[in-house]
Amino acid sequence: MIVVTTEKIPGYIVEEVKGPVFGLIVRSRGIGADIMASFKGLVGGEIKQYTAMLEDTRKEALERMIQNANQMGANAIIMSRFDSGEVGSNMSEIVAYGTAVVARKE
């Protein structure tokens, strides 16, 4: 599956637009990570537990978006993006989204 952030895929022609695709993940932080983050917040620096959690979540959101596009019969996703936000006080969401298309080489 070709996934690009651009409107066009170099060397390809978009033959058909299948529609929007999404991959959504909501994760809660564990109490241990919250406690470690509180201590780290006092001294500053990267909170590696959160970084690792968000990186894994981003990968899963991307995989879900690709699965969604495959189910629609697409072979590429254009204009892909990520968005994130907070859900409640200890949950984070990451959504991957884009436009599923059928593309062929020029």
PDB file of N, CA and C in Angstrom:
ATOM      1  N   MET A   1       0.859  -1.180   0.000  1.00  0.00           N
ATOM      2  CA  MET A   1       0.000   0.000   0.000  1.00  0.00           C
ATOM      3  C   MET A   1       0.901   1.237   0.000  1.00  0.00           C
ATOM      4  N   ILE A   2       0.659   2.108  -0.963  1.00  0.00           N
ATOM      5  CA  ILE A   2       1.378   3.383  -1.015  1.00  0.00           C
ATOM      6  C   ILE A   2       0.623   4.370  -0.124  1.00  0.00           C
ATOM      7  N   VAL A   3       1.337   5.019   0.789  1.00  0.00           N
ATOM      8  CA  VAL A   3       0.736   6.030   1.663  1.00  0.00           C
ATOM      9  C   VAL A   3       1.589   7.290   1.554  1.00  0.00           C
ATOM     10  N   VAL A   4       0.944   8.372   1.096  1.00  0.00           N
ATOM     11  CA  VAL A   4       1.670   9.636   0.941  1.00  0.00           C
ATOM     12  C   VAL A   4       0.890  10.778   1.585  1.00  0.00           C
ATOM     13  N   THR A   5       1.610  11.814   1.937  1.00  0.00           N
ATOM     14  CA  THR A   5       0.969  13.007   2.500  1.00  0.00           C
ATOM     15  C   THR A   5       0.616  14.016   1.415  1.00  0.00           C
ATOM     16  N   THR A   6       1.011  13.717   0.209  1.00  0.00           N
ATOM     17  CA  THR A   6       0.791  14.629  -0.910  1.00  0.00           C
ATOM     18  C   THR A   6      -0.521  14.326  -1.631  1.00  0.00           C
ATOM     19  N   GLU A   7      -0.901  15.263  -2.499  1.00  0.00           N
ATOM     20  CA  GLU A   7      -2.127  15.109  -3.280  1.00  0.00           C
ATOM     21  C   GLU A   7      -1.947  14.145  -4.444  1.00  0.00           C
ATOM     22  N   LYS A   8      -0.706  14.041  -4.921  1.00  0.00           N
ATOM     23  CA  LYS A   8      -0.385  13.176  -6.057  1.00  0.00           C
ATOM     24  C   LYS A   8       0.750  12.237  -5.665  1.00  0.00           C
ATOM     25  N   ILE A   9       0.818  11.113  -6.370  1.00  0.00           N
ATOM     26  CA  ILE A   9       1.895  10.151  -6.172  1.00  0.00           C
ATOM     27  C   ILE A   9       2.795  10.248  -7.396  1.00  0.00           C
ATOM     28  N   PRO A  10       4.041  10.659  -7.221  1.00  0.00           N
ATOM     29  CA  PRO A  10       4.929  10.784  -8.378  1.00  0.00           C
ATOM     30  C   PRO A  10       5.019   9.475  -9.165  1.00  0.00           C
ATOM     31  N   GLY A  11       4.812   9.578 -10.480  1.00  0.00           N
ATOM     32  CA  GLY A  11       4.883   8.402 -11.345  1.00  0.00           C
ATOM     33  C   GLY A  11       3.604   7.595 -11.409  1.00  0.00           C
ATOM     34  N   TYR A  12       2.531   8.061 -10.755  1.00  0.00           N
ATOM     35  CA  TYR A  12       1.252   7.346 -10.743  1.00  0.00           C
ATOM     36  C   TYR A  12       0.123   8.274 -11.174  1.00  0.00           C
ATOM     37  N   ILE A  13      -0.919   7.668 -11.674  1.00  0.00           N
ATOM     38  CA  ILE A  13      -2.151   8.382 -12.012  1.00  0.00           C
ATOM     39  C   ILE A  13      -3.259   7.832 -11.127  1.00  0.00           C
ATOM     40  N   VAL A  14      -3.988   8.715 -10.487  1.00  0.00           N
ATOM     41  CA  VAL A  14      -5.131   8.288  -9.671  1.00  0.00           C
ATOM     42  C   VAL A  14      -6.300   8.014 -10.612  1.00  0.00           C
ATOM     43  N   GLU A  15      -6.725   6.759 -10.667  1.00  0.00           N
ATOM     44  CA  GLU A  15      -7.820   6.362 -11.558  1.00  0.00           C
ATOM     45  C   GLU A  15      -9.182   6.457 -10.888  1.00  0.00           C
ATOM     46  N   GLU A  16      -9.197   6.243  -9.567  1.00  0.00           N
ATOM     47  CA  GLU A  16     -10.483   6.218  -8.865  1.00  0.00           C
ATOM     48  C   GLU A  16     -10.279   6.644  -7.411  1.00  0.00           C
ATOM     49  N   VAL A  17     -11.186   7.462  -6.936  1.00  0.00           N
ATOM     50  CA  VAL A  17     -11.186   7.851  -5.527  1.00  0.00           C
ATOM     51  C   VAL A  17     -12.218   6.989  -4.818  1.00  0.00           C
ATOM     52  N   LYS A  18     -11.761   6.235  -3.829  1.00  0.00           N
ATOM     53  CA  LYS A  18     -12.658   5.349  -3.074  1.00  0.00           C
ATOM     54  C   LYS A  18     -13.344   6.081  -1.922  1.00  0.00           C
ATOM     55  N   GLY A  19     -12.662   7.069  -1.349  1.00  0.00           N
ATOM     56  CA  GLY A  19     -13.257   7.828  -0.259  1.00  0.00           C
ATOM     57  C   GLY A  19     -12.335   7.957   0.940  1.00  0.00           C
ATOM     58  N   PRO A  20     -12.837   8.611   1.983  1.00  0.00           N
ATOM     59  CA  PRO A  20     -12.005   8.822   3.176  1.00  0.00           C
ATOM     60  C   PRO A  20     -11.787   7.518   3.950  1.00  0.00           C
ATOM     61  N   VAL A  21     -10.608   7.414   4.534  1.00  0.00           N
ATOM     62  CA  VAL A  21     -10.266   6.261   5.377  1.00  0.00           C
ATOM     63  C   VAL A  21      -9.698   6.770   6.697  1.00  0.00           C
ATOM     64  N   PHE A  22      -9.908   5.971   7.736  1.00  0.00           N
ATOM     65  CA  PHE A  22      -9.496   6.367   9.081  1.00  0.00           C
ATOM     66  C   PHE A  22      -8.906   5.177   9.825  1.00  0.00           C
ATOM     67  N   GLY A  23      -8.060   5.483  10.768  1.00  0.00           N
ATOM     68  CA  GLY A  23      -7.564   4.507  11.732  1.00  0.00           C
ATOM     69  C   GLY A  23      -7.511   5.211  13.077  1.00  0.00           C
ATOM     70  N   LEU A  24      -8.332   4.797  14.002  1.00  0.00           N
ATOM     71  CA  LEU A  24      -8.461   5.489  15.289  1.00  0.00           C
ATOM     72  C   LEU A  24      -8.046   4.573  16.430  1.00  0.00           C
ATOM     73  N   ILE A  25      -7.249   5.109  17.328  1.00  0.00           N
ATOM     74  CA  ILE A  25      -6.822   4.384  18.530  1.00  0.00           C
ATOM     75  C   ILE A  25      -6.981   5.319  19.726  1.00  0.00           C
ATOM     76  N   VAL A  26      -7.555   4.811  20.808  1.00  0.00           N
ATOM     77  CA  VAL A  26      -7.609   5.536  22.076  1.00  0.00           C
ATOM     78  C   VAL A  26      -6.893   4.667  23.098  1.00  0.00           C
ATOM     79  N   ARG A  27      -5.925   5.248  23.779  1.00  0.00           N
ATOM     80  CA  ARG A  27      -5.138   4.517  24.776  1.00  0.00           C
ATOM     81  C   ARG A  27      -5.167   5.258  26.093  1.00  0.00           C
ATOM     82  N   SER A  28      -5.203   4.490  27.166  1.00  0.00           N
ATOM     83  CA  SER A  28      -5.097   5.119  28.486  1.00  0.00           C
ATOM     84  C   SER A  28      -3.682   4.919  29.005  1.00  0.00           C
ATOM     85  N   ARG A  29      -3.234   5.878  29.745  1.00  0.00           N
ATOM     86  CA  ARG A  29      -1.928   5.778  30.385  1.00  0.00           C
ATOM     87  C   ARG A  29      -2.108   5.029  31.703  1.00  0.00           C
ATOM     88  N   GLY A  30      -1.151   4.210  32.028  1.00  0.00           N
ATOM     89  CA  GLY A  30      -1.205   3.496  33.296  1.00  0.00           C
ATOM     90  C   GLY A  30      -0.815   4.396  34.448  1.00  0.00           C
ATOM     91  N   ILE A  31      -1.227   4.020  35.627  1.00  0.00           N
ATOM     92  CA  ILE A  31      -0.928   4.832  36.806  1.00  0.00           C
ATOM     93  C   ILE A  31       0.581   4.940  37.041  1.00  0.00           C
ATOM     94  N   GLY A  32       1.313   3.859  36.728  1.00  0.00           N
ATOM     95  CA  GLY A  32       2.770   3.900  36.891  1.00  0.00           C
ATOM     96  C   GLY A  32       3.405   4.941  35.987  1.00  0.00           C
ATOM     97  N   ALA A  33       2.942   5.015  34.747  1.00  0.00           N
ATOM     98  CA  ALA A  33       3.476   6.018  33.808  1.00  0.00           C
ATOM     99  C   ALA A  33       3.115   7.419  34.270  1.00  0.00           C
ATOM    100  N   ASP A  34       1.908   7.586  34.810  1.00  0.00           N
ATOM    101  CA  ASP A  34       1.500   8.902  35.304  1.00  0.00           C
ATOM    102  C   ASP A  34       2.374   9.358  36.471  1.00  0.00           C
ATOM    103  N   ILE A  35       2.701   8.427  37.361  1.00  0.00           N
ATOM    104  CA  ILE A  35       3.549   8.769  38.507  1.00  0.00           C
ATOM    105  C   ILE A  35       4.950   9.145  38.030  1.00  0.00           C
ATOM    106  N   MET A  36       5.502   8.352  37.106  1.00  0.00           N
ATOM    107  CA  MET A  36       6.828   8.643  36.561  1.00  0.00           C
ATOM    108  C   MET A  36       6.824   9.978  35.824  1.00  0.00           C
ATOM    109  N   ALA A  37       5.759  10.256  35.096  1.00  0.00           N
ATOM    110  CA  ALA A  37       5.659  11.520  34.362  1.00  0.00           C
ATOM    111  C   ALA A  37       5.602  12.700  35.323  1.00  0.00           C
ATOM    112  N   SER A  38       4.924  12.528  36.450  1.00  0.00           N
ATOM    113  CA  SER A  38       4.849  13.605  37.441  1.00  0.00           C
ATOM    114  C   SER A  38       6.232  13.944  37.970  1.00  0.00           C
ATOM    115  N   PHE A  39       7.010  12.912  38.283  1.00  0.00           N
ATOM    116  CA  PHE A  39       8.370  13.149  38.772  1.00  0.00           C
ATOM    117  C   PHE A  39       9.238  13.793  37.686  1.00  0.00           C
ATOM    118  N   LYS A  40       9.118  13.299  36.466  1.00  0.00           N
ATOM    119  CA  LYS A  40       9.899  13.835  35.358  1.00  0.00           C
ATOM    120  C   LYS A  40       9.502  15.286  35.091  1.00  0.00           C
ATOM    121  N   GLY A  41       8.215  15.598  35.285  1.00  0.00           N
ATOM    122  CA  GLY A  41       7.747  16.964  35.088  1.00  0.00           C
ATOM    123  C   GLY A  41       8.389  17.951  36.037  1.00  0.00           C
ATOM    124  N   LEU A  42       8.804  17.478  37.190  1.00  0.00           N
ATOM    125  CA  LEU A  42       9.459  18.358  38.161  1.00  0.00           C
ATOM    126  C   LEU A  42      10.862  18.757  37.720  1.00  0.00           C
ATOM    127  N   VAL A  43      11.559  17.844  37.051  1.00  0.00           N
ATOM    128  CA  VAL A  43      12.941  18.120  36.671  1.00  0.00           C
ATOM    129  C   VAL A  43      13.088  18.435  35.181  1.00  0.00           C
ATOM    130  N   GLY A  44      12.080  18.139  34.392  1.00  0.00           N
ATOM    131  CA  GLY A  44      12.126  18.409  32.954  1.00  0.00           C
ATOM    132  C   GLY A  44      12.705  17.245  32.176  1.00  0.00           C
ATOM    133  N   GLY A  45      12.539  17.297  30.866  1.00  0.00           N
ATOM    134  CA  GLY A  45      13.071  16.261  29.989  1.00  0.00           C
ATOM    135  C   GLY A  45      11.973  15.427  29.361  1.00  0.00           C
ATOM    136  N   GLU A  46      12.402  14.557  28.481  1.00  0.00           N
ATOM    137  CA  GLU A  46      11.475  13.698  27.751  1.00  0.00           C
ATOM    138  C   GLU A  46      10.885  12.640  28.674  1.00  0.00           C
ATOM    139  N   ILE A  47       9.609  12.385  28.509  1.00  0.00           N
ATOM    140  CA  ILE A  47       8.938  11.309  29.248  1.00  0.00           C
ATOM    141  C   ILE A  47       8.862  10.120  28.302  1.00  0.00           C
ATOM    142  N   LYS A  48       9.848   9.263  28.402  1.00  0.00           N
ATOM    143  CA  LYS A  48      10.035   8.184  27.422  1.00  0.00           C
ATOM    144  C   LYS A  48       8.872   7.199  27.392  1.00  0.00           C
ATOM    145  N   GLN A  49       8.218   6.977  28.533  1.00  0.00           N
ATOM    146  CA  GLN A  49       7.083   6.062  28.550  1.00  0.00           C
ATOM    147  C   GLN A  49       5.959   6.580  27.651  1.00  0.00           C
ATOM    148  N   TYR A  50       5.707   7.877  27.709  1.00  0.00           N
ATOM    149  CA  TYR A  50       4.654   8.471  26.880  1.00  0.00           C
ATOM    150  C   TYR A  50       5.072   8.493  25.411  1.00  0.00           C
ATOM    151  N   THR A  51       6.326   8.797  25.161  1.00  0.00           N
ATOM    152  CA  THR A  51       6.817   8.825  23.788  1.00  0.00           C
ATOM    153  C   THR A  51       6.645   7.452  23.139  1.00  0.00           C
ATOM    154  N   ALA A  52       7.048   6.407  23.843  1.00  0.00           N
ATOM    155  CA  ALA A  52       6.925   5.048  23.314  1.00  0.00           C
ATOM    156  C   ALA A  52       5.452   4.682  23.101  1.00  0.00           C
ATOM    157  N   MET A  53       4.590   5.040  24.057  1.00  0.00           N
ATOM    158  CA  MET A  53       3.170   4.722  23.934  1.00  0.00           C
ATOM    159  C   MET A  53       2.570   5.419  22.713  1.00  0.00           C
ATOM    160  N   LEU A  54       2.877   6.693  22.533  1.00  0.00           N
ATOM    161  CA  LEU A  54       2.309   7.434  21.409  1.00  0.00           C
ATOM    162  C   LEU A  54       2.864   6.960  20.075  1.00  0.00           C
ATOM    163  N   GLU A  55       4.133   6.588  20.022  1.00  0.00           N
ATOM    164  CA  GLU A  55       4.720   6.061  18.788  1.00  0.00           C
ATOM    165  C   GLU A  55       4.048   4.741  18.406  1.00  0.00           C
ATOM    166  N   ASP A  56       3.862   3.845  19.371  1.00  0.00           N
ATOM    167  CA  ASP A  56       3.164   2.578  19.096  1.00  0.00           C
ATOM    168  C   ASP A  56       1.733   2.834  18.637  1.00  0.00           C
ATOM    169  N   THR A  57       1.071   3.781  19.273  1.00  0.00           N
ATOM    170  CA  THR A  57      -0.311   4.107  18.930  1.00  0.00           C
ATOM    171  C   THR A  57      -0.391   4.677  17.521  1.00  0.00           C
ATOM    172  N   ARG A  58       0.557   5.506  17.147  1.00  0.00           N
ATOM    173  CA  ARG A  58       0.586   6.075  15.792  1.00  0.00           C
ATOM    174  C   ARG A  58       0.739   4.974  14.751  1.00  0.00           C
ATOM    175  N   LYS A  59       1.617   4.014  15.016  1.00  0.00           N
ATOM    176  CA  LYS A  59       1.814   2.895  14.082  1.00  0.00           C
ATOM    177  C   LYS A  59       0.532   2.075  13.943  1.00  0.00           C
ATOM    178  N   GLU A  60      -0.135   1.810  15.051  1.00  0.00           N
ATOM    179  CA  GLU A  60      -1.391   1.052  15.001  1.00  0.00           C
ATOM    180  C   GLU A  60      -2.478   1.808  14.241  1.00  0.00           C
ATOM    181  N   ALA A  61      -2.562   3.119  14.442  1.00  0.00           N
ATOM    182  CA  ALA A  61      -3.550   3.925  13.722  1.00  0.00           C
ATOM    183  C   ALA A  61      -3.283   3.867  12.220  1.00  0.00           C
ATOM    184  N   LEU A  62      -2.014   3.939  11.829  1.00  0.00           N
ATOM    185  CA  LEU A  62      -1.644   3.841  10.421  1.00  0.00           C
ATOM    186  C   LEU A  62      -2.028   2.474   9.855  1.00  0.00           C
ATOM    187  N   GLU A  63      -1.747   1.409  10.604  1.00  0.00           N
ATOM    188  CA  GLU A  63      -2.110   0.059  10.159  1.00  0.00           C
ATOM    189  C   GLU A  63      -3.623  -0.082   9.993  1.00  0.00           C
ATOM    190  N   ARG A  64      -4.391   0.476  10.904  1.00  0.00           N
ATOM    191  CA  ARG A  64      -5.858   0.406  10.799  1.00  0.00           C
ATOM    192  C   ARG A  64      -6.369   1.186   9.591  1.00  0.00           C
ATOM    193  N   MET A  65      -5.751   2.331   9.312  1.00  0.00           N
ATOM    194  CA  MET A  65      -6.147   3.106   8.142  1.00  0.00           C
ATOM    195  C   MET A  65      -5.862   2.314   6.868  1.00  0.00           C
ATOM    196  N   ILE A  66      -4.714   1.656   6.801  1.00  0.00           N
ATOM    197  CA  ILE A  66      -4.356   0.843   5.639  1.00  0.00           C
ATOM    198  C   ILE A  66      -5.330  -0.325   5.484  1.00  0.00           C
ATOM    199  N   GLN A  67      -5.701  -0.974   6.588  1.00  0.00           N
ATOM    200  CA  GLN A  67      -6.692  -2.056   6.526  1.00  0.00           C
ATOM    201  C   GLN A  67      -8.019  -1.548   5.984  1.00  0.00           C
ATOM    202  N   ASN A  68      -8.427  -0.367   6.428  1.00  0.00           N
ATOM    203  CA  ASN A  68      -9.665   0.242   5.961  1.00  0.00           C
ATOM    204  C   ASN A  68      -9.605   0.471   4.446  1.00  0.00           C
ATOM    205  N   ALA A  69      -8.474   0.986   3.959  1.00  0.00           N
ATOM    206  CA  ALA A  69      -8.307   1.232   2.523  1.00  0.00           C
ATOM    207  C   ALA A  69      -8.314  -0.074   1.736  1.00  0.00           C
ATOM    208  N   ASN A  70      -7.667  -1.112   2.266  1.00  0.00           N
ATOM    209  CA  ASN A  70      -7.682  -2.423   1.605  1.00  0.00           C
ATOM    210  C   ASN A  70      -9.099  -2.953   1.470  1.00  0.00           C
ATOM    211  N   GLN A  71      -9.893  -2.804   2.515  1.00  0.00           N
ATOM    212  CA  GLN A  71     -11.281  -3.277   2.484  1.00  0.00           C
ATOM    213  C   GLN A  71     -12.105  -2.536   1.441  1.00  0.00           C
ATOM    214  N   MET A  72     -11.723  -1.313   1.130  1.00  0.00           N
ATOM    215  CA  MET A  72     -12.434  -0.519   0.128  1.00  0.00           C
ATOM    216  C   MET A  72     -11.950  -0.814  -1.289  1.00  0.00           C
ATOM    217  N   GLY A  73     -10.906  -1.624  -1.422  1.00  0.00           N
ATOM    218  CA  GLY A  73     -10.366  -1.953  -2.732  1.00  0.00           C
ATOM    219  C   GLY A  73      -9.332  -0.965  -3.245  1.00  0.00           C
ATOM    220  N   ALA A  74      -8.768  -0.158  -2.368  1.00  0.00           N
ATOM    221  CA  ALA A  74      -7.758   0.831  -2.756  1.00  0.00           C
ATOM    222  C   ALA A  74      -6.370   0.200  -2.733  1.00  0.00           C
ATOM    223  N   ASN A  75      -5.456   0.808  -3.484  1.00  0.00           N
ATOM    224  CA  ASN A  75      -4.065   0.366  -3.424  1.00  0.00           C
ATOM    225  C   ASN A  75      -3.132   1.494  -2.991  1.00  0.00           C
ATOM    226  N   ALA A  76      -3.734   2.647  -2.630  1.00  0.00           N
ATOM    227  CA  ALA A  76      -2.937   3.780  -2.168  1.00  0.00           C
ATOM    228  C   ALA A  76      -3.805   4.707  -1.318  1.00  0.00           C
ATOM    229  N   ILE A  77      -3.114   5.504  -0.511  1.00  0.00           N
ATOM    230  CA  ILE A  77      -3.778   6.532   0.304  1.00  0.00           C
ATOM    231  C   ILE A  77      -3.025   7.834   0.065  1.00  0.00           C
ATOM    232  N   ILE A  78      -3.772   8.857  -0.344  1.00  0.00           N
ATOM    233  CA  ILE A  78      -3.170  10.166  -0.551  1.00  0.00           C
ATOM    234  C   ILE A  78      -3.650  11.117   0.542  1.00  0.00           C
ATOM    235  N   MET A  79      -2.942  12.222   0.690  1.00  0.00           N
ATOM    236  CA  MET A  79      -3.303  13.254   1.664  1.00  0.00           C
ATOM    237  C   MET A  79      -3.416  12.697   3.088  1.00  0.00           C
ATOM    238  N   SER A  80      -2.536  11.765   3.446  1.00  0.00           N
ATOM    239  CA  SER A  80      -2.619  11.160   4.782  1.00  0.00           C
ATOM    240  C   SER A  80      -2.138  12.143   5.841  1.00  0.00           C
ATOM    241  N   ARG A  81      -2.771  12.071   6.993  1.00  0.00           N
ATOM    242  CA  ARG A  81      -2.471  12.958   8.116  1.00  0.00           C
ATOM    243  C   ARG A  81      -2.652  12.193   9.422  1.00  0.00           C
ATOM    244  N   PHE A  82      -2.108  12.779  10.490  1.00  0.00           N
ATOM    245  CA  PHE A  82      -2.335  12.295  11.845  1.00  0.00           C
ATOM    246  C   PHE A  82      -2.909  13.437  12.656  1.00  0.00           C
ATOM    247  N   ASP A  83      -3.745  13.091  13.608  1.00  0.00           N
ATOM    248  CA  ASP A  83      -4.261  14.067  14.560  1.00  0.00           C
ATOM    249  C   ASP A  83      -4.262  13.388  15.916  1.00  0.00           C
ATOM    250  N   SER A  84      -4.163  14.182  16.962  1.00  0.00           N
ATOM    251  CA  SER A  84      -4.168  13.600  18.304  1.00  0.00           C
ATOM    252  C   SER A  84      -4.908  14.521  19.252  1.00  0.00           C
ATOM    253  N   GLY A  85      -5.324  13.947  20.357  1.00  0.00           N
ATOM    254  CA  GLY A  85      -6.027  14.725  21.357  1.00  0.00           C
ATOM    255  C   GLY A  85      -6.148  13.953  22.646  1.00  0.00           C
ATOM    256  N   GLU A  86      -6.719  14.596  23.613  1.00  0.00           N
ATOM    257  CA  GLU A  86      -6.945  13.997  24.927  1.00  0.00           C
ATOM    258  C   GLU A  86      -8.403  13.594  25.045  1.00  0.00           C
ATOM    259  N   VAL A  87      -8.623  12.450  25.663  1.00  0.00           N
ATOM    260  CA  VAL A  87      -9.970  11.986  25.972  1.00  0.00           C
ATOM    261  C   VAL A  87      -9.991  11.766  27.477  1.00  0.00           C
ATOM    262  N   GLY A  88     -10.664  12.609  28.198  1.00  0.00           N
ATOM    263  CA  GLY A  88     -10.632  12.515  29.654  1.00  0.00           C
ATOM    264  C   GLY A  88      -9.277  12.960  30.180  1.00  0.00           C
ATOM    265  N   SER A  89      -8.988  12.577  31.401  1.00  0.00           N
ATOM    266  CA  SER A  89      -7.756  13.049  32.030  1.00  0.00           C
ATOM    267  C   SER A  89      -6.565  12.130  31.819  1.00  0.00           C
ATOM    268  N   ASN A  90      -6.793  10.877  31.416  1.00  0.00           N
ATOM    269  CA  ASN A  90      -5.650   9.976  31.274  1.00  0.00           C
ATOM    270  C   ASN A  90      -5.686   9.153  29.989  1.00  0.00           C
ATOM    271  N   MET A  91      -6.405   9.625  28.978  1.00  0.00           N
ATOM    272  CA  MET A  91      -6.466   8.892  27.724  1.00  0.00           C
ATOM    273  C   MET A  91      -6.060   9.799  26.571  1.00  0.00           C
ATOM    274  N   SER A  92      -5.369   9.210  25.613  1.00  0.00           N
ATOM    275  CA  SER A  92      -4.956   9.922  24.408  1.00  0.00           C
ATOM    276  C   SER A  92      -5.532   9.208  23.204  1.00  0.00           C
ATOM    277  N   GLU A  93      -5.872   9.998  22.194  1.00  0.00           N
ATOM    278  CA  GLU A  93      -6.343   9.414  20.945  1.00  0.00           C
ATOM    279  C   GLU A  93      -5.428   9.856  19.824  1.00  0.00           C
ATOM    280  N   ILE A  94      -5.218   8.960  18.900  1.00  0.00           N
ATOM    281  CA  ILE A  94      -4.513   9.303  17.672  1.00  0.00           C
ATOM    282  C   ILE A  94      -5.345   8.755  16.523  1.00  0.00           C
ATOM    283  N   VAL A  95      -5.575   9.592  15.539  1.00  0.00           N
ATOM    284  CA  VAL A  95      -6.305   9.175  14.347  1.00  0.00           C
ATOM    285  C   VAL A  95      -5.417   9.422  13.134  1.00  0.00           C
ATOM    286  N   ALA A  96      -5.342   8.418  12.278  1.00  0.00           N
ATOM    287  CA  ALA A  96      -4.699   8.557  10.976  1.00  0.00           C
ATOM    288  C   ALA A  96      -5.838   8.644   9.969  1.00  0.00           C
ATOM    289  N   TYR A  97      -5.725   9.557   9.022  1.00  0.00           N
ATOM    290  CA  TYR A  97      -6.786   9.678   8.029  1.00  0.00           C
ATOM    291  C   TYR A  97      -6.211  10.117   6.691  1.00  0.00           C
ATOM    292  N   GLY A  98      -6.949   9.825   5.641  1.00  0.00           N
ATOM    293  CA  GLY A  98      -6.524  10.181   4.301  1.00  0.00           C
ATOM    294  C   GLY A  98      -7.610   9.820   3.300  1.00  0.00           C
ATOM    295  N   THR A  99      -7.240   9.820   2.035  1.00  0.00           N
ATOM    296  CA  THR A  99      -8.169   9.486   0.965  1.00  0.00           C
ATOM    297  C   THR A  99      -7.688   8.223   0.274  1.00  0.00           C
ATOM    298  N   ALA A 100      -8.531   7.201   0.269  1.00  0.00           N
ATOM    299  CA  ALA A 100      -8.202   5.931  -0.384  1.00  0.00           C
ATOM    300  C   ALA A 100      -8.433   6.068  -1.893  1.00  0.00           C
ATOM    301  N   VAL A 101      -7.465   5.620  -2.668  1.00  0.00           N
ATOM    302  CA  VAL A 101      -7.567   5.719  -4.123  1.00  0.00           C
ATOM    303  C   VAL A 101      -7.045   4.443  -4.788  1.00  0.00           C
ATOM    304  N   VAL A 102      -7.391   4.308  -6.061  1.00  0.00           N
ATOM    305  CA  VAL A 102      -6.793   3.302  -6.906  1.00  0.00           C
ATOM    306  C   VAL A 102      -5.861   4.066  -7.836  1.00  0.00           C
ATOM    307  N   ALA A 103      -4.581   3.717  -7.795  1.00  0.00           N
ATOM    308  CA  ALA A 103      -3.583   4.410  -8.608  1.00  0.00           C
ATOM    309  C   ALA A 103      -2.838   3.387  -9.469  1.00  0.00           C
ATOM    310  N   ARG A 104      -2.440   3.844 -10.640  1.00  0.00           N
ATOM    311  CA  ARG A 104      -1.644   2.977 -11.526  1.00  0.00           C
ATOM    312  C   ARG A 104      -0.427   3.757 -11.992  1.00  0.00           C
ATOM    313  N   LYS A 105       0.635   3.000 -12.310  1.00  0.00           N
ATOM    314  CA  LYS A 105       1.861   3.638 -12.798  1.00  0.00           C
ATOM    315  C   LYS A 105       1.601   4.269 -14.147  1.00  0.00           C
ATOM    316  N   GLU A 106       2.251   5.413 -14.359  1.00  0.00           N
ATOM    317  CA  GLU A 106       2.126   6.100 -15.657  1.00  0.00           C
ATOM    318  C   GLU A 106       2.787   5.308 -16.749  1.00  0.00           C
TER     319      GLU A 106
END
